[in-house]
N, C-alpha and C. Protein backbone atom coordinates (compact mmCIF):
# COMPACT_ATOMS: atom_id res chain seq x y z
N UNK A 1 140.67 218.62 159.19
CA UNK A 1 141.37 218.95 157.98
C UNK A 1 142.03 220.30 158.16
N UNK A 2 143.29 220.40 157.82
CA UNK A 2 143.96 221.68 157.89
C UNK A 2 143.73 222.43 156.59
N UNK A 3 143.60 223.72 156.70
CA UNK A 3 143.39 224.55 155.52
C UNK A 3 144.73 225.15 155.13
N UNK A 4 145.09 224.95 153.88
CA UNK A 4 146.35 225.50 153.37
C UNK A 4 146.02 226.47 152.25
N UNK A 5 146.60 227.67 152.31
CA UNK A 5 146.35 228.67 151.28
C UNK A 5 147.49 228.68 150.28
N UNK A 6 147.13 228.79 149.02
CA UNK A 6 148.12 228.99 147.97
C UNK A 6 148.07 230.48 147.68
N UNK A 7 149.07 231.21 148.17
CA UNK A 7 149.01 232.66 148.13
C UNK A 7 148.98 233.22 146.71
N UNK A 8 149.58 232.53 145.75
CA UNK A 8 149.54 233.02 144.38
C UNK A 8 148.14 232.96 143.80
N UNK A 9 147.25 232.16 144.40
CA UNK A 9 145.88 232.02 143.90
C UNK A 9 144.94 233.04 144.52
N UNK A 10 145.40 233.78 145.53
CA UNK A 10 144.54 234.76 146.18
C UNK A 10 144.48 236.03 145.34
N UNK A 11 143.32 236.67 145.36
CA UNK A 11 143.16 237.90 144.61
C UNK A 11 143.17 239.07 145.58
N UNK A 12 143.52 240.26 145.10
CA UNK A 12 143.53 241.42 146.00
C UNK A 12 142.16 241.65 146.62
N UNK A 13 142.14 242.01 147.88
CA UNK A 13 140.90 242.21 148.63
C UNK A 13 140.02 243.25 147.95
N UNK A 14 140.61 244.29 147.42
CA UNK A 14 139.82 245.35 146.81
C UNK A 14 139.02 244.80 145.63
N UNK A 15 139.57 243.85 144.88
CA UNK A 15 138.86 243.26 143.75
C UNK A 15 137.69 242.41 144.25
N UNK A 16 137.89 241.71 145.34
CA UNK A 16 136.84 240.88 145.93
C UNK A 16 135.67 241.77 146.37
N UNK A 17 135.97 242.90 146.96
CA UNK A 17 134.94 243.83 147.42
C UNK A 17 134.17 244.38 146.23
N UNK A 18 134.87 244.71 145.14
CA UNK A 18 134.21 245.25 143.95
C UNK A 18 133.20 244.25 143.40
N UNK A 19 133.58 242.97 143.35
CA UNK A 19 132.67 241.93 142.85
C UNK A 19 131.41 241.87 143.70
N UNK A 20 131.56 241.97 145.01
CA UNK A 20 130.41 241.91 145.90
C UNK A 20 129.47 243.09 145.74
N UNK A 21 130.00 244.24 145.33
CA UNK A 21 129.18 245.43 145.21
C UNK A 21 128.44 245.49 143.88
N UNK A 22 128.98 244.91 142.83
CA UNK A 22 128.35 244.97 141.52
C UNK A 22 127.21 243.96 141.45
N UNK A 23 125.99 244.45 141.42
CA UNK A 23 124.81 243.62 141.26
C UNK A 23 124.77 242.47 142.27
N UNK A 24 124.68 242.77 143.57
CA UNK A 24 124.75 241.73 144.60
C UNK A 24 123.62 240.71 144.58
N UNK A 25 122.50 241.02 143.91
CA UNK A 25 121.39 240.06 143.86
C UNK A 25 121.45 239.14 142.64
N UNK A 26 122.47 239.30 141.81
CA UNK A 26 122.58 238.48 140.59
C UNK A 26 122.87 237.02 140.94
N UNK A 27 122.33 236.12 140.13
CA UNK A 27 122.65 234.70 140.25
C UNK A 27 123.89 234.48 139.41
N UNK A 28 124.94 234.03 140.03
CA UNK A 28 126.22 233.95 139.35
C UNK A 28 126.55 232.53 138.91
N UNK A 29 127.22 232.43 137.78
CA UNK A 29 127.69 231.14 137.26
C UNK A 29 129.20 231.19 137.18
N UNK A 30 129.86 230.13 137.60
CA UNK A 30 131.33 230.14 137.55
C UNK A 30 131.85 230.01 136.12
N UNK A 31 132.99 230.64 135.87
CA UNK A 31 133.64 230.51 134.56
C UNK A 31 134.44 229.21 134.48
N UNK A 32 134.85 228.71 135.64
CA UNK A 32 135.68 227.51 135.67
C UNK A 32 135.16 226.58 136.78
N UNK A 33 134.99 225.31 136.42
CA UNK A 33 134.63 224.31 137.43
C UNK A 33 135.87 223.51 137.74
N UNK A 34 136.36 223.66 138.94
CA UNK A 34 137.57 222.96 139.34
C UNK A 34 137.25 221.52 139.74
N UNK A 35 138.24 220.67 139.63
CA UNK A 35 138.07 219.25 139.93
C UNK A 35 137.70 219.03 141.40
N UNK A 36 136.83 218.05 141.65
CA UNK A 36 136.46 217.71 143.02
C UNK A 36 137.68 217.15 143.75
N UNK A 37 137.93 217.66 144.94
CA UNK A 37 139.02 217.17 145.76
C UNK A 37 138.44 216.17 146.75
N UNK A 38 139.05 214.98 146.82
CA UNK A 38 138.56 213.94 147.71
C UNK A 38 139.54 213.78 148.88
N UNK A 39 139.00 213.86 150.08
CA UNK A 39 139.80 213.69 151.29
C UNK A 39 139.40 212.39 151.96
N UNK A 40 140.38 211.58 152.31
CA UNK A 40 140.11 210.35 153.05
C UNK A 40 140.49 210.58 154.50
N UNK A 41 139.49 210.65 155.35
CA UNK A 41 139.70 210.93 156.76
C UNK A 41 139.98 209.60 157.46
N UNK A 42 141.25 209.32 157.65
CA UNK A 42 141.69 207.99 158.09
C UNK A 42 141.96 207.87 159.58
N UNK A 43 141.75 208.94 160.32
CA UNK A 43 141.99 208.91 161.77
C UNK A 43 140.78 209.41 162.54
N UNK A 44 140.53 208.78 163.67
CA UNK A 44 139.48 209.20 164.59
C UNK A 44 140.16 209.88 165.78
N UNK A 45 139.76 211.10 166.07
CA UNK A 45 140.36 211.86 167.18
C UNK A 45 139.65 211.50 168.48
N UNK A 46 140.44 211.15 169.49
CA UNK A 46 139.91 210.91 170.83
C UNK A 46 139.76 212.29 171.50
N UNK A 47 138.53 212.72 171.72
CA UNK A 47 138.29 214.06 172.25
C UNK A 47 138.94 214.29 173.61
N UNK A 48 139.06 213.23 174.41
CA UNK A 48 139.68 213.38 175.73
C UNK A 48 141.18 213.67 175.62
N UNK A 49 141.79 213.31 174.50
CA UNK A 49 143.22 213.54 174.31
C UNK A 49 143.50 214.63 173.28
N UNK A 50 142.46 215.24 172.72
CA UNK A 50 142.59 216.18 171.61
C UNK A 50 143.37 217.44 171.96
N UNK A 51 143.52 217.73 173.23
CA UNK A 51 144.25 218.92 173.66
C UNK A 51 145.67 218.96 173.11
N UNK A 52 146.28 217.80 172.91
CA UNK A 52 147.66 217.78 172.37
C UNK A 52 147.70 218.24 170.92
N UNK A 53 146.58 218.10 170.21
CA UNK A 53 146.52 218.56 168.82
C UNK A 53 146.18 220.05 168.79
N UNK A 54 145.11 220.42 169.50
CA UNK A 54 144.68 221.82 169.55
C UNK A 54 143.83 222.03 170.80
N UNK A 55 143.97 223.17 171.45
CA UNK A 55 143.15 223.43 172.63
C UNK A 55 141.68 223.70 172.27
N UNK A 56 141.37 223.84 171.00
CA UNK A 56 140.01 224.19 170.58
C UNK A 56 139.14 223.00 170.20
N UNK A 57 139.74 221.87 169.88
CA UNK A 57 138.97 220.73 169.36
C UNK A 57 137.88 220.28 170.32
N UNK A 58 138.22 220.10 171.58
CA UNK A 58 137.23 219.58 172.53
C UNK A 58 136.00 220.48 172.60
N UNK A 59 136.21 221.78 172.80
CA UNK A 59 135.08 222.69 172.95
C UNK A 59 134.25 222.80 171.67
N UNK A 60 134.90 222.78 170.52
CA UNK A 60 134.18 222.92 169.26
C UNK A 60 133.46 221.63 168.85
N UNK A 61 133.98 220.49 169.27
CA UNK A 61 133.48 219.21 168.75
C UNK A 61 132.87 218.29 169.80
N UNK A 62 132.69 218.73 171.03
CA UNK A 62 132.23 217.84 172.10
C UNK A 62 130.85 217.24 171.83
N UNK A 63 130.05 217.85 170.96
CA UNK A 63 128.72 217.32 170.66
C UNK A 63 128.74 216.33 169.49
N UNK A 64 129.89 216.11 168.90
CA UNK A 64 130.01 215.17 167.77
C UNK A 64 130.08 213.75 168.32
N UNK A 65 128.93 213.17 168.54
CA UNK A 65 128.84 211.86 169.20
C UNK A 65 129.47 210.73 168.38
N UNK A 66 129.41 210.84 167.06
CA UNK A 66 129.92 209.76 166.22
C UNK A 66 131.41 209.89 165.92
N UNK A 67 132.01 210.97 166.32
CA UNK A 67 133.45 211.08 166.14
C UNK A 67 133.89 212.34 165.43
N UNK A 68 135.15 212.63 165.61
CA UNK A 68 135.83 213.72 164.93
C UNK A 68 136.93 213.09 164.12
N UNK A 69 136.93 213.37 162.83
CA UNK A 69 137.85 212.71 161.92
C UNK A 69 138.90 213.68 161.40
N UNK A 70 140.06 213.14 161.05
CA UNK A 70 141.12 213.94 160.45
C UNK A 70 141.94 213.03 159.55
N UNK A 71 142.95 213.61 158.93
CA UNK A 71 143.86 212.86 158.07
C UNK A 71 145.24 212.83 158.71
N UNK A 72 145.97 211.78 158.44
CA UNK A 72 147.35 211.70 158.92
C UNK A 72 148.17 212.86 158.37
N UNK A 73 147.92 213.23 157.12
CA UNK A 73 148.67 214.33 156.52
C UNK A 73 148.44 215.65 157.26
N UNK A 74 147.24 215.83 157.83
CA UNK A 74 146.97 217.04 158.61
C UNK A 74 147.83 217.07 159.87
N UNK A 75 147.95 215.92 160.52
CA UNK A 75 148.79 215.86 161.73
C UNK A 75 150.25 216.13 161.39
N UNK A 76 150.70 215.65 160.24
CA UNK A 76 152.09 215.93 159.81
C UNK A 76 152.28 217.43 159.57
N UNK A 77 151.28 218.05 158.96
CA UNK A 77 151.36 219.50 158.71
C UNK A 77 151.39 220.27 160.03
N UNK A 78 150.51 219.89 160.96
CA UNK A 78 150.48 220.54 162.28
C UNK A 78 151.82 220.35 162.99
N UNK A 79 152.36 219.14 162.91
CA UNK A 79 153.63 218.83 163.56
C UNK A 79 154.75 219.73 163.03
N UNK A 80 154.81 219.88 161.73
CA UNK A 80 155.87 220.70 161.12
C UNK A 80 155.65 222.18 161.35
N UNK A 81 154.42 222.66 161.10
CA UNK A 81 154.19 224.10 161.16
C UNK A 81 154.16 224.65 162.58
N UNK A 82 153.73 223.84 163.55
CA UNK A 82 153.66 224.31 164.94
C UNK A 82 154.75 223.72 165.82
N UNK A 83 155.68 222.99 165.19
CA UNK A 83 156.81 222.39 165.90
C UNK A 83 156.34 221.53 167.07
N UNK A 84 155.36 220.64 166.78
CA UNK A 84 154.85 219.70 167.78
C UNK A 84 155.35 218.31 167.43
N UNK A 85 155.54 217.49 168.44
CA UNK A 85 156.00 216.12 168.23
C UNK A 85 154.90 215.30 167.54
N UNK A 86 155.22 214.72 166.39
CA UNK A 86 154.24 213.95 165.62
C UNK A 86 153.71 212.77 166.41
N UNK A 87 154.57 212.05 167.13
CA UNK A 87 154.13 210.88 167.90
C UNK A 87 153.14 211.26 169.00
N UNK A 88 153.31 212.44 169.58
CA UNK A 88 152.35 212.92 170.58
C UNK A 88 151.00 213.20 169.93
N UNK A 89 151.03 213.82 168.75
CA UNK A 89 149.78 214.13 168.04
C UNK A 89 149.04 212.85 167.65
N UNK A 90 149.76 211.89 167.10
CA UNK A 90 149.13 210.65 166.62
C UNK A 90 148.59 209.83 167.79
N UNK A 91 149.15 210.03 168.99
CA UNK A 91 148.68 209.28 170.16
C UNK A 91 147.25 209.69 170.57
N UNK A 92 146.77 210.82 170.08
CA UNK A 92 145.42 211.28 170.39
C UNK A 92 144.39 210.77 169.37
N UNK A 93 144.83 209.87 168.49
CA UNK A 93 143.94 209.36 167.45
C UNK A 93 143.98 207.84 167.40
N UNK A 94 143.05 207.27 166.66
CA UNK A 94 143.11 205.84 166.35
C UNK A 94 142.90 205.68 164.85
N UNK A 95 143.59 204.69 164.30
CA UNK A 95 143.57 204.45 162.85
C UNK A 95 142.25 203.80 162.44
N UNK A 96 141.65 204.32 161.38
CA UNK A 96 140.38 203.78 160.90
C UNK A 96 140.55 202.90 159.66
N UNK A 97 141.61 203.09 158.92
CA UNK A 97 141.87 202.33 157.69
C UNK A 97 140.62 202.21 156.82
N UNK A 98 140.16 203.31 156.23
CA UNK A 98 138.93 203.27 155.43
C UNK A 98 139.01 202.31 154.24
N UNK A 99 140.22 202.01 153.77
CA UNK A 99 140.34 201.10 152.62
C UNK A 99 139.95 199.66 152.96
N UNK A 100 139.74 199.35 154.24
CA UNK A 100 139.31 198.00 154.65
C UNK A 100 137.80 197.79 154.48
N UNK A 101 137.05 198.86 154.27
CA UNK A 101 135.59 198.78 154.29
C UNK A 101 135.00 199.10 152.93
N UNK A 102 133.80 198.57 152.69
CA UNK A 102 133.05 198.89 151.47
C UNK A 102 132.38 200.25 151.64
N UNK A 103 132.08 200.88 150.52
CA UNK A 103 131.31 202.13 150.58
C UNK A 103 129.89 201.81 151.01
N UNK A 104 129.31 202.68 151.79
CA UNK A 104 127.97 202.44 152.33
C UNK A 104 126.96 202.19 151.21
N UNK A 105 127.07 202.92 150.11
CA UNK A 105 126.09 202.75 149.03
C UNK A 105 126.24 201.41 148.30
N UNK A 106 127.36 200.69 148.53
CA UNK A 106 127.56 199.38 147.90
C UNK A 106 127.03 198.23 148.74
N UNK A 107 126.73 198.48 150.02
CA UNK A 107 126.24 197.41 150.90
C UNK A 107 124.80 197.06 150.57
N UNK A 108 124.54 195.79 150.42
CA UNK A 108 123.19 195.32 150.08
C UNK A 108 122.82 194.14 150.99
N UNK A 109 121.54 193.89 151.10
CA UNK A 109 121.07 192.68 151.77
C UNK A 109 120.88 192.83 153.27
N UNK A 110 120.39 191.73 153.88
CA UNK A 110 120.12 191.74 155.32
C UNK A 110 121.43 191.90 156.11
N UNK A 111 121.35 192.66 157.16
CA UNK A 111 122.52 192.87 158.00
C UNK A 111 123.42 194.00 157.53
N UNK A 112 123.20 194.51 156.31
CA UNK A 112 124.08 195.55 155.77
C UNK A 112 123.91 196.88 156.50
N UNK A 113 122.75 197.09 157.12
CA UNK A 113 122.51 198.38 157.79
C UNK A 113 123.37 198.58 159.02
N UNK A 114 123.88 197.51 159.61
CA UNK A 114 124.66 197.64 160.85
C UNK A 114 126.16 197.47 160.64
N UNK A 115 126.61 197.34 159.40
CA UNK A 115 128.04 197.15 159.14
C UNK A 115 128.79 198.48 159.09
N UNK A 116 130.06 198.46 159.51
CA UNK A 116 130.93 199.61 159.29
C UNK A 116 131.08 199.79 157.79
N UNK A 117 131.09 201.05 157.35
CA UNK A 117 131.25 201.30 155.92
C UNK A 117 131.84 202.69 155.71
N UNK A 118 132.34 202.92 154.50
CA UNK A 118 132.91 204.23 154.15
C UNK A 118 131.79 205.11 153.61
N UNK A 119 131.59 206.22 154.28
CA UNK A 119 130.56 207.18 153.91
C UNK A 119 131.24 208.36 153.20
N UNK A 120 130.55 208.92 152.24
CA UNK A 120 131.10 210.09 151.55
C UNK A 120 130.09 211.23 151.65
N UNK A 121 130.59 212.38 152.05
CA UNK A 121 129.75 213.57 152.12
C UNK A 121 130.38 214.63 151.22
N UNK A 122 129.53 215.31 150.46
CA UNK A 122 129.99 216.32 149.50
C UNK A 122 129.59 217.70 149.97
N UNK A 123 130.40 218.65 149.62
CA UNK A 123 130.05 220.05 149.80
C UNK A 123 130.67 220.84 148.66
N UNK A 124 129.98 221.85 148.20
CA UNK A 124 130.47 222.65 147.08
C UNK A 124 130.37 224.13 147.39
N UNK A 125 131.34 224.87 146.91
CA UNK A 125 131.26 226.32 146.87
C UNK A 125 130.92 226.60 145.41
N UNK A 126 129.70 227.04 145.18
CA UNK A 126 129.18 227.13 143.81
C UNK A 126 129.76 228.29 143.01
N UNK A 127 130.25 229.32 143.70
CA UNK A 127 130.78 230.48 142.99
C UNK A 127 131.67 231.25 143.95
N UNK A 128 132.91 231.45 143.55
CA UNK A 128 133.80 232.29 144.36
C UNK A 128 134.83 232.93 143.45
N UNK A 129 135.32 234.12 143.82
CA UNK A 129 136.37 234.75 143.02
C UNK A 129 137.68 233.99 143.22
N UNK A 130 138.30 233.55 142.13
CA UNK A 130 139.47 232.69 142.27
C UNK A 130 140.70 233.22 141.55
N UNK A 131 140.62 234.37 140.97
CA UNK A 131 141.79 234.92 140.31
C UNK A 131 141.41 236.14 139.49
N UNK A 132 142.42 236.75 138.94
CA UNK A 132 142.17 237.90 138.08
C UNK A 132 141.95 237.41 136.66
N UNK A 133 141.07 238.09 135.94
CA UNK A 133 140.81 237.74 134.55
C UNK A 133 141.64 238.68 133.67
N UNK A 134 142.26 238.12 132.66
CA UNK A 134 143.07 238.91 131.75
C UNK A 134 142.45 238.86 130.36
N UNK A 135 142.39 240.01 129.72
CA UNK A 135 141.85 240.11 128.37
C UNK A 135 142.98 240.50 127.42
N UNK A 136 142.72 240.31 126.13
CA UNK A 136 143.71 240.66 125.11
C UNK A 136 143.20 241.88 124.35
N UNK A 137 144.10 242.73 124.00
CA UNK A 137 143.75 243.91 123.22
C UNK A 137 144.98 244.42 122.50
N UNK A 138 144.83 245.56 121.91
CA UNK A 138 145.95 246.17 121.18
C UNK A 138 146.33 247.48 121.85
N UNK A 139 147.61 247.77 121.87
CA UNK A 139 148.06 249.05 122.40
C UNK A 139 148.02 250.09 121.27
N UNK A 140 148.53 251.29 121.54
CA UNK A 140 148.50 252.38 120.55
C UNK A 140 149.29 252.07 119.29
N UNK A 141 150.20 251.11 119.38
CA UNK A 141 151.04 250.77 118.23
C UNK A 141 150.55 249.50 117.53
N UNK A 142 149.40 248.99 117.94
CA UNK A 142 148.83 247.81 117.31
C UNK A 142 149.38 246.49 117.82
N UNK A 143 150.23 246.55 118.85
CA UNK A 143 150.79 245.31 119.42
C UNK A 143 149.77 244.66 120.34
N UNK A 144 149.76 243.33 120.34
CA UNK A 144 148.86 242.57 121.19
C UNK A 144 149.33 242.69 122.65
N UNK A 145 148.44 243.10 123.53
CA UNK A 145 148.78 243.22 124.94
C UNK A 145 147.72 242.52 125.79
N UNK A 146 148.13 242.11 126.95
CA UNK A 146 147.24 241.47 127.91
C UNK A 146 147.03 242.46 129.06
N UNK A 147 145.79 242.60 129.50
CA UNK A 147 145.52 243.52 130.59
C UNK A 147 144.46 242.92 131.53
N UNK A 148 144.52 243.38 132.77
CA UNK A 148 143.57 242.91 133.78
C UNK A 148 142.21 243.53 133.50
N UNK A 149 141.18 242.66 133.36
CA UNK A 149 139.87 243.19 132.98
C UNK A 149 138.74 242.68 133.87
N UNK A 150 139.05 242.06 134.97
CA UNK A 150 137.99 241.58 135.85
C UNK A 150 138.48 240.48 136.76
N UNK A 151 137.52 239.73 137.27
CA UNK A 151 137.83 238.67 138.21
C UNK A 151 137.30 237.35 137.66
N UNK A 152 138.16 236.35 137.68
CA UNK A 152 137.76 235.01 137.26
C UNK A 152 137.01 234.36 138.41
N UNK A 153 135.94 233.61 138.09
CA UNK A 153 135.16 232.95 139.12
C UNK A 153 135.21 231.44 138.92
N UNK A 154 135.14 230.72 140.03
CA UNK A 154 135.28 229.26 140.01
C UNK A 154 134.22 228.59 140.87
N UNK A 155 134.07 227.29 140.63
CA UNK A 155 133.27 226.42 141.48
C UNK A 155 134.20 225.30 141.93
N UNK A 156 134.11 224.92 143.19
CA UNK A 156 134.93 223.83 143.70
C UNK A 156 134.11 222.97 144.63
N UNK A 157 134.25 221.66 144.46
CA UNK A 157 133.56 220.71 145.33
C UNK A 157 134.59 219.88 146.09
N UNK A 158 134.21 219.50 147.29
CA UNK A 158 135.04 218.65 148.13
C UNK A 158 134.22 217.42 148.51
N UNK A 159 134.88 216.29 148.59
CA UNK A 159 134.24 215.05 149.04
C UNK A 159 135.06 214.51 150.20
N UNK A 160 134.40 214.17 151.28
CA UNK A 160 135.08 213.65 152.47
C UNK A 160 134.64 212.21 152.68
N UNK A 161 135.60 211.29 152.69
CA UNK A 161 135.34 209.87 152.97
C UNK A 161 135.75 209.58 154.40
N UNK A 162 134.86 208.93 155.14
CA UNK A 162 135.17 208.56 156.53
C UNK A 162 134.44 207.27 156.86
N UNK A 163 134.89 206.59 157.90
CA UNK A 163 134.27 205.34 158.30
C UNK A 163 133.06 205.65 159.19
N UNK A 164 131.89 205.19 158.75
CA UNK A 164 130.65 205.36 159.52
C UNK A 164 130.39 204.10 160.33
N UNK A 165 129.81 204.27 161.51
CA UNK A 165 129.52 203.14 162.39
C UNK A 165 128.52 202.17 161.76
N UNK A 166 127.68 202.66 160.87
CA UNK A 166 126.72 201.81 160.17
C UNK A 166 126.17 202.58 158.98
N UNK A 167 125.53 201.84 158.09
CA UNK A 167 124.91 202.46 156.92
C UNK A 167 123.82 203.44 157.35
N UNK A 168 123.22 203.20 158.49
CA UNK A 168 122.18 204.09 159.01
C UNK A 168 122.73 205.46 159.40
N UNK A 169 124.04 205.56 159.56
CA UNK A 169 124.68 206.84 159.90
C UNK A 169 125.15 207.55 158.63
N UNK A 170 124.72 207.03 157.48
CA UNK A 170 125.16 207.58 156.20
C UNK A 170 123.99 207.54 155.20
N UNK A 171 122.87 208.05 155.59
CA UNK A 171 121.66 207.92 154.78
C UNK A 171 121.70 208.71 153.48
N UNK A 172 122.55 209.71 153.34
CA UNK A 172 122.63 210.51 152.12
C UNK A 172 123.48 209.83 151.05
N UNK A 173 124.19 208.76 151.40
CA UNK A 173 125.13 208.13 150.45
C UNK A 173 124.59 206.80 149.97
N UNK A 174 123.33 206.76 149.53
CA UNK A 174 122.74 205.51 149.07
C UNK A 174 122.84 205.38 147.59
């Protein structure tokens, strides 16, 4: 998965540092819970050919026996941003077509443990600074003004769908 930053959503580093220094042992609760983003990992990367995508994939992922997954949209982004030929990038992958398979948690009965299925794994960032907080007040003339008064905090969850070799490779998604 390629990481894309929305620069308007980034907060100044100095504000991030201030948040970390104020009561660092506090248990924090987010002010905003953002919608879960679901990624469908529809391609399996062939590690022997991964060099055409990135020189780092093989070394970082060589122990991933069940596969390294990505999205077609990630390859398109890499192709555009790094000026690489898309057909060369896609040649290092094979199509998984996750929409052809049932979700692992939906498989029931004998033989279901060995079927290919779509597995979903979740991860959440429970609290992170996601913007500046603005408060309302009055100026010296009694006019309503907005001013920066802190940092807004958010929670975001991600869900990754990928094709598992069997239900036994997806024990958390029952």
